PDB file of N, CA and C in Angstrom:
ATOM      1  N   UNK A   1      79.817  61.583 -59.767  1.00  0.00           N
ATOM      2  CA  UNK A   1      80.066  62.867 -60.363  1.00  0.00           C
ATOM      3  C   UNK A   1      79.258  63.075 -61.651  1.00  0.00           C
ATOM      4  N   UNK A   2      78.996  61.981 -62.363  1.00  0.00           N
ATOM      5  CA  UNK A   2      78.213  62.124 -63.660  1.00  0.00           C
ATOM      6  C   UNK A   2      76.918  61.113 -63.618  1.00  0.00           C
ATOM      7  N   UNK A   3      76.451  61.064 -62.418  1.00  0.00           N
ATOM      8  CA  UNK A   3      75.283  60.132 -62.233  1.00  0.00           C
ATOM      9  C   UNK A   3      74.089  60.483 -63.096  1.00  0.00           C
ATOM     10  N   UNK A   4      74.031  61.753 -63.555  1.00  0.00           N
ATOM     11  CA  UNK A   4      72.888  62.218 -64.327  1.00  0.00           C
ATOM     12  C   UNK A   4      72.932  61.572 -65.764  1.00  0.00           C
ATOM     13  N   UNK A   5      74.056  61.074 -66.171  1.00  0.00           N
ATOM     14  CA  UNK A   5      74.187  60.394 -67.441  1.00  0.00           C
ATOM     15  C   UNK A   5      73.847  58.979 -67.404  1.00  0.00           C
ATOM     16  N   UNK A   6      73.601  58.385 -66.272  1.00  0.00           N
ATOM     17  CA  UNK A   6      73.248  56.934 -66.172  1.00  0.00           C
ATOM     18  C   UNK A   6      71.686  56.857 -66.430  1.00  0.00           C
ATOM     19  N   UNK A   7      71.441  56.197 -67.567  1.00  0.00           N
ATOM     20  CA  UNK A   7      69.978  56.054 -67.936  1.00  0.00           C
ATOM     21  C   UNK A   7      69.583  54.616 -68.112  1.00  0.00           C
ATOM     22  N   UNK A   8      70.335  53.652 -67.959  1.00  0.00           N
ATOM     23  CA  UNK A   8      70.023  52.268 -68.066  1.00  0.00           C
ATOM     24  C   UNK A   8      70.173  51.559 -66.755  1.00  0.00           C
ATOM     25  N   UNK A   9      69.542  50.463 -66.551  1.00  0.00           N
ATOM     26  CA  UNK A   9      69.667  49.626 -65.362  1.00  0.00           C
ATOM     27  C   UNK A   9      71.136  49.319 -65.045  1.00  0.00           C
ATOM     28  N   UNK A  10      71.530  49.486 -63.788  1.00  0.00           N
ATOM     29  CA  UNK A  10      72.901  49.369 -63.362  1.00  0.00           C
ATOM     30  C   UNK A  10      73.074  48.370 -62.298  1.00  0.00           C
ATOM     31  N   UNK A  11      74.060  47.432 -62.426  1.00  0.00           N
ATOM     32  CA  UNK A  11      74.420  46.573 -61.391  1.00  0.00           C
ATOM     33  C   UNK A  11      75.791  46.980 -60.823  1.00  0.00           C
ATOM     34  N   UNK A  12      75.890  47.331 -59.573  1.00  0.00           N
ATOM     35  CA  UNK A  12      77.241  47.734 -59.080  1.00  0.00           C
ATOM     36  C   UNK A  12      77.751  46.677 -58.240  1.00  0.00           C
ATOM     37  N   UNK A  13      78.967  46.153 -58.640  1.00  0.00           N
ATOM     38  CA  UNK A  13      79.555  45.143 -57.943  1.00  0.00           C
ATOM     39  C   UNK A  13      80.835  45.724 -57.305  1.00  0.00           C
ATOM     40  N   UNK A  14      81.057  45.537 -56.079  1.00  0.00           N
ATOM     41  CA  UNK A  14      82.152  46.219 -55.424  1.00  0.00           C
ATOM     42  C   UNK A  14      82.747  45.311 -54.336  1.00  0.00           C
ATOM     43  N   UNK A  15      84.038  44.985 -54.487  1.00  0.00           N
ATOM     44  CA  UNK A  15      84.684  44.134 -53.541  1.00  0.00           C
ATOM     45  C   UNK A  15      85.257  45.079 -52.414  1.00  0.00           C
ATOM     46  N   UNK A  16      85.112  44.533 -51.235  1.00  0.00           N
ATOM     47  CA  UNK A  16      85.505  45.344 -50.035  1.00  0.00           C
ATOM     48  C   UNK A  16      86.953  45.505 -50.019  1.00  0.00           C
ATOM     49  N   UNK A  17      87.759  44.541 -50.604  1.00  0.00           N
ATOM     50  CA  UNK A  17      89.201  44.599 -50.678  1.00  0.00           C
ATOM     51  C   UNK A  17      89.793  45.428 -51.761  1.00  0.00           C
ATOM     52  N   UNK A  18      88.961  46.063 -52.567  1.00  0.00           N
ATOM     53  CA  UNK A  18      89.368  46.799 -53.723  1.00  0.00           C
ATOM     54  C   UNK A  18      90.351  48.019 -53.175  1.00  0.00           C
ATOM     55  N   UNK A  19      91.593  47.996 -53.637  1.00  0.00           N
ATOM     56  CA  UNK A  19      92.542  48.989 -53.211  1.00  0.00           C
ATOM     57  C   UNK A  19      92.521  50.339 -53.969  1.00  0.00           C
ATOM     58  N   UNK A  20      91.911  50.322 -55.122  1.00  0.00           N
ATOM     59  CA  UNK A  20      91.779  51.512 -55.995  1.00  0.00           C
ATOM     60  C   UNK A  20      90.650  52.320 -55.880  1.00  0.00           C
ATOM     61  N   UNK A  21      89.496  51.738 -55.689  1.00  0.00           N
ATOM     62  CA  UNK A  21      88.174  52.462 -55.542  1.00  0.00           C
ATOM     63  C   UNK A  21      87.593  52.103 -54.164  1.00  0.00           C
ATOM     64  N   UNK A  22      87.576  53.064 -53.272  1.00  0.00           N
ATOM     65  CA  UNK A  22      86.984  52.763 -52.020  1.00  0.00           C
ATOM     66  C   UNK A  22      85.515  52.395 -52.062  1.00  0.00           C
ATOM     67  N   UNK A  23      85.058  51.428 -51.191  1.00  0.00           N
ATOM     68  CA  UNK A  23      83.749  50.955 -51.240  1.00  0.00           C
ATOM     69  C   UNK A  23      82.716  52.021 -51.160  1.00  0.00           C
ATOM     70  N   UNK A  24      83.032  53.084 -50.381  1.00  0.00           N
ATOM     71  CA  UNK A  24      82.032  54.149 -50.285  1.00  0.00           C
ATOM     72  C   UNK A  24      81.643  54.804 -51.536  1.00  0.00           C
ATOM     73  N   UNK A  25      82.532  54.790 -52.474  1.00  0.00           N
ATOM     74  CA  UNK A  25      82.277  55.521 -53.752  1.00  0.00           C
ATOM     75  C   UNK A  25      81.174  54.766 -54.531  1.00  0.00           C
ATOM     76  N   UNK A  26      81.266  53.415 -54.646  1.00  0.00           N
ATOM     77  CA  UNK A  26      80.177  52.602 -55.201  1.00  0.00           C
ATOM     78  C   UNK A  26      78.877  52.799 -54.434  1.00  0.00           C
ATOM     79  N   UNK A  27      79.001  52.757 -53.127  1.00  0.00           N
ATOM     80  CA  UNK A  27      77.701  53.065 -52.322  1.00  0.00           C
ATOM     81  C   UNK A  27      77.124  54.356 -52.538  1.00  0.00           C
ATOM     82  N   UNK A  28      77.937  55.416 -52.730  1.00  0.00           N
ATOM     83  CA  UNK A  28      77.438  56.764 -52.966  1.00  0.00           C
ATOM     84  C   UNK A  28      76.728  56.796 -54.299  1.00  0.00           C
ATOM     85  N   UNK A  29      77.370  56.246 -55.339  1.00  0.00           N
ATOM     86  CA  UNK A  29      76.671  56.180 -56.629  1.00  0.00           C
ATOM     87  C   UNK A  29      75.300  55.363 -56.536  1.00  0.00           C
ATOM     88  N   UNK A  30      75.379  54.353 -55.867  1.00  0.00           N
ATOM     89  CA  UNK A  30      74.093  53.549 -55.644  1.00  0.00           C
ATOM     90  C   UNK A  30      72.966  54.420 -55.011  1.00  0.00           C
ATOM     91  N   UNK A  31      73.390  55.121 -53.954  1.00  0.00           N
ATOM     92  CA  UNK A  31      72.429  55.977 -53.193  1.00  0.00           C
ATOM     93  C   UNK A  31      71.945  57.143 -54.101  1.00  0.00           C
ATOM     94  N   UNK A  32      72.737  57.749 -54.764  1.00  0.00           N
ATOM     95  CA  UNK A  32      72.364  58.813 -55.703  1.00  0.00           C
ATOM     96  C   UNK A  32      71.447  58.325 -56.771  1.00  0.00           C
ATOM     97  N   UNK A  33      71.715  57.226 -57.442  1.00  0.00           N
ATOM     98  CA  UNK A  33      70.863  56.639 -58.414  1.00  0.00           C
ATOM     99  C   UNK A  33      69.466  56.330 -57.887  1.00  0.00           C
ATOM    100  N   UNK A  34      69.486  55.600 -56.727  1.00  0.00           N
ATOM    101  CA  UNK A  34      68.180  55.253 -56.055  1.00  0.00           C
ATOM    102  C   UNK A  34      67.380  56.409 -55.680  1.00  0.00           C
ATOM    103  N   UNK A  35      67.919  57.564 -55.416  1.00  0.00           N
ATOM    104  CA  UNK A  35      67.159  58.787 -55.081  1.00  0.00           C
ATOM    105  C   UNK A  35      66.603  59.338 -56.322  1.00  0.00           C
ATOM    106  N   UNK A  36      67.091  59.131 -57.450  1.00  0.00           N
ATOM    107  CA  UNK A  36      66.559  59.676 -58.659  1.00  0.00           C
ATOM    108  C   UNK A  36      65.216  59.133 -59.032  1.00  0.00           C
ATOM    109  N   UNK A  37      64.291  59.864 -59.590  1.00  0.00           N
ATOM    110  CA  UNK A  37      62.952  59.427 -59.850  1.00  0.00           C
ATOM    111  C   UNK A  37      62.970  58.222 -60.886  1.00  0.00           C
ATOM    112  N   UNK A  38      63.873  58.334 -61.879  1.00  0.00           N
ATOM    113  CA  UNK A  38      63.816  57.364 -62.938  1.00  0.00           C
ATOM    114  C   UNK A  38      64.475  56.049 -62.530  1.00  0.00           C
ATOM    115  N   UNK A  39      65.201  56.053 -61.337  1.00  0.00           N
ATOM    116  CA  UNK A  39      65.816  54.765 -60.828  1.00  0.00           C
ATOM    117  C   UNK A  39      65.009  54.274 -59.603  1.00  0.00           C
ATOM    118  N   UNK A  40      63.968  54.904 -59.186  1.00  0.00           N
ATOM    119  CA  UNK A  40      63.283  54.659 -57.968  1.00  0.00           C
ATOM    120  C   UNK A  40      62.605  53.292 -57.945  1.00  0.00           C
ATOM    121  N   UNK A  41      62.445  52.676 -59.247  1.00  0.00           N
ATOM    122  CA  UNK A  41      61.709  51.352 -59.225  1.00  0.00           C
ATOM    123  C   UNK A  41      62.689  50.310 -58.943  1.00  0.00           C
ATOM    124  N   UNK A  42      63.933  50.498 -58.638  1.00  0.00           N
ATOM    125  CA  UNK A  42      64.853  49.466 -58.195  1.00  0.00           C
ATOM    126  C   UNK A  42      65.744  48.983 -59.260  1.00  0.00           C
ATOM    127  N   UNK A  43      65.965  49.664 -60.401  1.00  0.00           N
ATOM    128  CA  UNK A  43      66.766  49.091 -61.452  1.00  0.00           C
ATOM    129  C   UNK A  43      68.163  49.361 -61.283  1.00  0.00           C
ATOM    130  N   UNK A  44      68.583  49.784 -60.051  1.00  0.00           N
ATOM    131  CA  UNK A  44      70.005  49.831 -59.761  1.00  0.00           C
ATOM    132  C   UNK A  44      70.147  48.941 -58.580  1.00  0.00           C
ATOM    133  N   UNK A  45      71.266  48.090 -58.597  1.00  0.00           N
ATOM    134  CA  UNK A  45      71.467  47.091 -57.642  1.00  0.00           C
ATOM    135  C   UNK A  45      72.843  47.201 -57.104  1.00  0.00           C
ATOM    136  N   UNK A  46      73.086  46.780 -55.958  1.00  0.00           N
ATOM    137  CA  UNK A  46      74.406  46.928 -55.179  1.00  0.00           C
ATOM    138  C   UNK A  46      74.707  45.606 -54.657  1.00  0.00           C
ATOM    139  N   UNK A  47      75.929  45.105 -54.912  1.00  0.00           N
ATOM    140  CA  UNK A  47      76.510  44.017 -54.180  1.00  0.00           C
ATOM    141  C   UNK A  47      77.791  44.455 -53.546  1.00  0.00           C
ATOM    142  N   UNK A  48      77.787  44.676 -52.334  1.00  0.00           N
ATOM    143  CA  UNK A  48      78.918  45.336 -51.638  1.00  0.00           C
ATOM    144  C   UNK A  48      80.238  44.601 -51.551  1.00  0.00           C
ATOM    145  N   UNK A  49      80.195  43.368 -51.035  1.00  0.00           N
ATOM    146  CA  UNK A  49      81.470  42.662 -50.839  1.00  0.00           C
ATOM    147  C   UNK A  49      81.485  41.335 -51.522  1.00  0.00           C
ATOM    148  N   UNK A  50      82.266  41.154 -52.521  1.00  0.00           N
ATOM    149  CA  UNK A  50      82.353  39.985 -53.163  1.00  0.00           C
ATOM    150  C   UNK A  50      83.131  38.937 -52.276  1.00  0.00           C
ATOM    151  N   UNK A  51      82.450  37.888 -51.977  1.00  0.00           N
ATOM    152  CA  UNK A  51      83.011  36.934 -50.935  1.00  0.00           C
ATOM    153  C   UNK A  51      84.189  36.062 -51.453  1.00  0.00           C
ATOM    154  N   UNK A  52      84.718  35.336 -50.655  1.00  0.00           N
ATOM    155  CA  UNK A  52      85.929  34.551 -50.960  1.00  0.00           C
ATOM    156  C   UNK A  52      85.610  33.109 -51.051  1.00  0.00           C
ATOM    157  N   UNK A  53      84.696  32.628 -50.235  1.00  0.00           N
ATOM    158  CA  UNK A  53      84.448  31.106 -50.215  1.00  0.00           C
ATOM    159  C   UNK A  53      83.581  30.792 -51.580  1.00  0.00           C
ATOM    160  N   UNK A  54      83.693  29.570 -51.953  1.00  0.00           N
ATOM    161  CA  UNK A  54      82.973  29.124 -53.164  1.00  0.00           C
ATOM    162  C   UNK A  54      81.428  29.211 -52.946  1.00  0.00           C
ATOM    163  N   UNK A  55      81.090  28.814 -51.726  1.00  0.00           N
ATOM    164  CA  UNK A  55      79.626  28.883 -51.424  1.00  0.00           C
ATOM    165  C   UNK A  55      79.044  30.189 -51.573  1.00  0.00           C
ATOM    166  N   UNK A  56      79.751  31.217 -50.976  1.00  0.00           N
ATOM    167  CA  UNK A  56      79.297  32.574 -51.024  1.00  0.00           C
ATOM    168  C   UNK A  56      79.389  33.063 -52.460  1.00  0.00           C
ATOM    169  N   UNK A  57      80.286  32.730 -53.226  1.00  0.00           N
ATOM    170  CA  UNK A  57      80.409  33.235 -54.599  1.00  0.00           C
ATOM    171  C   UNK A  57      79.238  32.678 -55.423  1.00  0.00           C
ATOM    172  N   UNK A  58      78.815  31.441 -55.142  1.00  0.00           N
ATOM    173  CA  UNK A  58      77.665  30.856 -55.844  1.00  0.00           C
ATOM    174  C   UNK A  58      76.441  31.652 -55.540  1.00  0.00           C
ATOM    175  N   UNK A  59      76.275  32.241 -54.340  1.00  0.00           N
ATOM    176  CA  UNK A  59      75.210  33.030 -54.034  1.00  0.00           C
ATOM    177  C   UNK A  59      75.248  34.389 -54.836  1.00  0.00           C
ATOM    178  N   UNK A  60      76.284  34.973 -54.924  1.00  0.00           N
ATOM    179  CA  UNK A  60      76.523  36.122 -55.594  1.00  0.00           C
ATOM    180  C   UNK A  60      76.325  35.904 -57.123  1.00  0.00           C
ATOM    181  N   UNK A  61      76.770  34.853 -57.651  1.00  0.00           N
ATOM    182  CA  UNK A  61      76.543  34.537 -59.090  1.00  0.00           C
ATOM    183  C   UNK A  61      75.046  34.342 -59.301  1.00  0.00           C
ATOM    184  N   UNK A  62      74.350  33.777 -58.321  1.00  0.00           N
ATOM    185  CA  UNK A  62      72.902  33.564 -58.552  1.00  0.00           C
ATOM    186  C   UNK A  62      72.228  34.929 -58.635  1.00  0.00           C
ATOM    187  N   UNK A  63      72.687  35.960 -57.749  1.00  0.00           N
ATOM    188  CA  UNK A  63      72.100  37.265 -57.769  1.00  0.00           C
ATOM    189  C   UNK A  63      72.396  37.951 -59.131  1.00  0.00           C
ATOM    190  N   UNK A  64      73.622  37.796 -59.606  1.00  0.00           N
ATOM    191  CA  UNK A  64      74.040  38.387 -60.870  1.00  0.00           C
ATOM    192  C   UNK A  64      73.111  37.833 -61.977  1.00  0.00           C
ATOM    193  N   UNK A  65      72.977  36.530 -61.960  1.00  0.00           N
ATOM    194  CA  UNK A  65      72.163  35.928 -62.965  1.00  0.00           C
ATOM    195  C   UNK A  65      70.735  36.326 -63.020  1.00  0.00           C
ATOM    196  N   UNK A  66      70.169  36.463 -61.817  1.00  0.00           N
ATOM    197  CA  UNK A  66      68.887  36.963 -61.678  1.00  0.00           C
ATOM    198  C   UNK A  66      68.760  38.426 -62.137  1.00  0.00           C
ATOM    199  N   UNK A  67      69.644  39.205 -61.839  1.00  0.00           N
ATOM    200  CA  UNK A  67      69.631  40.636 -62.348  1.00  0.00           C
ATOM    201  C   UNK A  67      69.695  40.671 -63.844  1.00  0.00           C
ATOM    202  N   UNK A  68      70.638  39.805 -64.397  1.00  0.00           N
ATOM    203  CA  UNK A  68      70.774  39.892 -65.848  1.00  0.00           C
ATOM    204  C   UNK A  68      69.503  39.388 -66.535  1.00  0.00           C
ATOM    205  N   UNK A  69      68.947  38.329 -65.952  1.00  0.00           N
ATOM    206  CA  UNK A  69      67.657  37.835 -66.475  1.00  0.00           C
ATOM    207  C   UNK A  69      66.501  38.920 -66.589  1.00  0.00           C
ATOM    208  N   UNK A  70      66.556  39.762 -65.484  1.00  0.00           N
ATOM    209  CA  UNK A  70      65.578  40.797 -65.448  1.00  0.00           C
ATOM    210  C   UNK A  70      65.889  41.942 -66.447  1.00  0.00           C
ATOM    211  N   UNK A  71      67.098  42.322 -66.440  1.00  0.00           N
ATOM    212  CA  UNK A  71      67.358  43.697 -67.224  1.00  0.00           C
ATOM    213  C   UNK A  71      68.144  43.502 -68.478  1.00  0.00           C
ATOM    214  N   UNK A  72      68.485  42.230 -68.779  1.00  0.00           N
ATOM    215  CA  UNK A  72      69.341  41.976 -70.084  1.00  0.00           C
ATOM    216  C   UNK A  72      68.773  40.732 -70.720  1.00  0.00           C
ATOM    217  N   UNK A  73      67.443  40.792 -71.084  1.00  0.00           N
ATOM    218  CA  UNK A  73      66.764  39.578 -71.514  1.00  0.00           C
ATOM    219  C   UNK A  73      67.334  39.126 -72.949  1.00  0.00           C
TER     220      UNK A  73
END
């Protein structure tokens, strides 16, 4: 709804089991921002389903750490 106000890199984390915010809303925000010219270089990222097993969580944490290293030096 207010995607035009997003001006900084954004990492969207969304758990598939979220009961308050449907997953499609996070995905829609991601798609809108990716379509914008100023976010076309990929500075918006999406992690759709936060996993349950520790091995999968470690993969997600690595992705988050890499994103933070790039956009939050």
